[in-house]
Protein backbone atom coordinates (compact mmCIF):
# COMPACT_ATOMS: atom_id res chain seq x y z
CA MET A 1 0.00 0.00 0.00
CA ALA A 2 1.40 3.41 -0.96
CA ILE A 3 0.70 6.40 1.27
CA THR A 4 1.33 10.01 0.25
CA ILE A 5 1.98 12.65 2.92
CA ASN A 6 2.75 16.23 1.83
CA GLY A 7 3.76 15.03 -1.63
CA ALA A 8 6.19 12.39 -0.33
CA SER A 9 5.06 8.82 -0.81
CA PHE A 10 6.19 5.69 0.95
CA THR A 11 5.04 2.12 0.86
CA LEU A 12 3.59 0.37 3.86
CA ASP A 13 4.41 -3.31 3.58
CA LEU A 14 5.50 -6.07 5.94
CA ASP A 15 9.17 -5.06 5.77
CA THR A 16 8.37 -1.48 6.79
CA ILE A 17 6.20 -2.62 9.69
CA LEU A 18 8.94 -4.99 10.90
CA ILE A 19 11.53 -2.21 10.73
CA TRP A 20 9.23 0.10 12.71
CA ALA A 21 8.74 -2.64 15.31
CA LEU A 22 12.50 -3.23 15.52
CA VAL A 23 13.28 0.47 15.87
CA GLY A 24 10.48 0.83 18.41
CA LEU A 25 11.70 -2.16 20.41
CA VAL A 26 15.28 -0.94 20.64
CA ALA A 27 14.36 2.68 21.37
CA GLY A 28 11.61 1.76 23.83
CA PHE A 29 13.82 -0.74 25.66
CA LEU A 30 16.66 1.75 26.07
CA ALA A 31 14.38 4.65 27.00
CA SER A 32 12.32 2.67 29.51
CA HIS A 33 15.45 1.41 31.25
CA LEU A 34 16.90 4.93 31.29
CA ALA A 35 13.77 6.81 32.37
CA LEU A 36 12.06 4.23 34.58
CA GLY A 37 14.83 1.87 35.64
CA HIS A 38 12.96 -1.17 34.32
CA GLY A 39 11.46 -2.38 31.08
CA LEU A 40 7.81 -2.37 30.10
CA GLY A 41 7.74 -5.77 28.45
CA LEU A 42 8.10 -6.57 24.77
CA LEU A 43 4.86 -4.99 23.55
CA GLY A 44 5.14 -2.02 25.93
CA ASP A 45 8.67 -1.23 24.77
CA ILE A 46 7.62 -1.43 21.10
CA VAL A 47 4.63 0.86 21.63
CA VAL A 48 6.63 3.40 23.65
CA GLY A 49 9.39 3.35 21.04
CA ILE A 50 7.03 3.89 18.10
CA ILE A 51 5.12 6.67 19.89
CA GLY A 52 8.49 8.08 20.94
CA ALA A 53 9.60 8.14 17.30
CA PHE A 54 6.62 10.32 16.45
CA VAL A 55 7.22 12.52 19.51
CA GLY A 56 10.93 12.80 18.70
CA GLY A 57 10.29 13.60 15.07
CA PHE A 58 7.62 16.17 15.87
CA LEU A 59 9.35 17.70 18.87
CA LEU A 60 12.92 17.87 17.60
CA LEU A 61 12.34 18.41 13.90
CA GLY A 62 9.02 20.25 13.98
CA VAL A 63 9.28 22.50 17.01
CA PHE A 64 12.99 22.97 17.69
CA HIS A 65 14.25 22.48 14.10
CA ILE A 66 17.03 20.16 15.28
CA SER A 67 18.26 17.63 12.78
CA ILE A 68 20.17 14.57 13.96
CA GLY A 69 21.79 12.27 11.48
CA VAL A 70 24.40 9.57 11.30
CA ALA A 71 26.01 9.65 7.87
CA GLY A 72 25.24 6.55 5.86
CA HIS A 73 23.13 4.89 8.54
CA PRO A 74 19.46 5.96 8.37
CA LEU A 75 18.35 3.12 10.66
CA ILE A 76 20.66 4.27 13.46
CA THR A 77 19.41 7.83 12.93
CA GLN A 78 15.81 6.63 13.28
CA MET A 79 16.68 4.69 16.44
CA LEU A 80 18.35 7.77 17.92
CA MET A 81 15.35 9.99 17.17
CA ALA A 82 12.94 7.36 18.53
CA PHE A 83 15.07 6.94 21.66
CA ILE A 84 15.11 10.68 22.36
CA GLY A 85 11.37 10.94 21.79
CA ALA A 86 10.61 7.87 23.93
CA ALA A 87 12.83 9.12 26.75
CA VAL A 88 11.11 12.51 26.70
CA LEU A 89 7.70 10.82 26.59
CA LEU A 90 8.51 8.54 29.54
CA LEU A 91 9.99 11.37 31.60
CA ILE A 92 6.85 13.48 31.04
CA VAL A 93 4.62 10.52 31.96
CA ARG A 94 6.73 9.86 35.04
CA LEU A 95 6.64 13.55 36.01
CA PHE A 96 2.88 14.00 35.67
CA GLY A 97 1.76 10.45 36.28
CA GLY A 98 2.91 10.31 39.86
CA GLY A 99 4.37 7.19 41.33
CA ARG A 100 3.01 3.91 42.47
CA SER A 101 2.15 3.79 46.08
CA THR A 102 4.23 1.31 48.02
CA TYR A 103 1.58 1.07 50.69
CA GLN A 104 -0.15 -2.28 50.69
CA ARG A 105 -3.23 -3.04 52.69
CA ARG A 106 -2.82 -5.87 55.16
CA ALA A 107 -5.65 -8.11 56.22
CA PHE A 108 -5.60 -9.20 59.84
């Protein structure tokens, strides 16, 4: 399936989805361990990494006009952007989401 966004088209096939999942997994895993101190599980890390890629792309490229690139390695560049976005996303969630209460109710 071909999708056109602002005149640029890209194809959405199984290879693209697998690459997104791989980038999301790596970025989400690293960001969740950095921001939270523990992982979120396989699916949680993938979701956080993919959402983080959108946050990183929008925040860094769209708002701050910062371009990050590794020459000759677009996959590493995507992982870096997704990692930064996922880390920012998790830090914001951790900041506003509060913490888990360690208090446990005991039954006597």
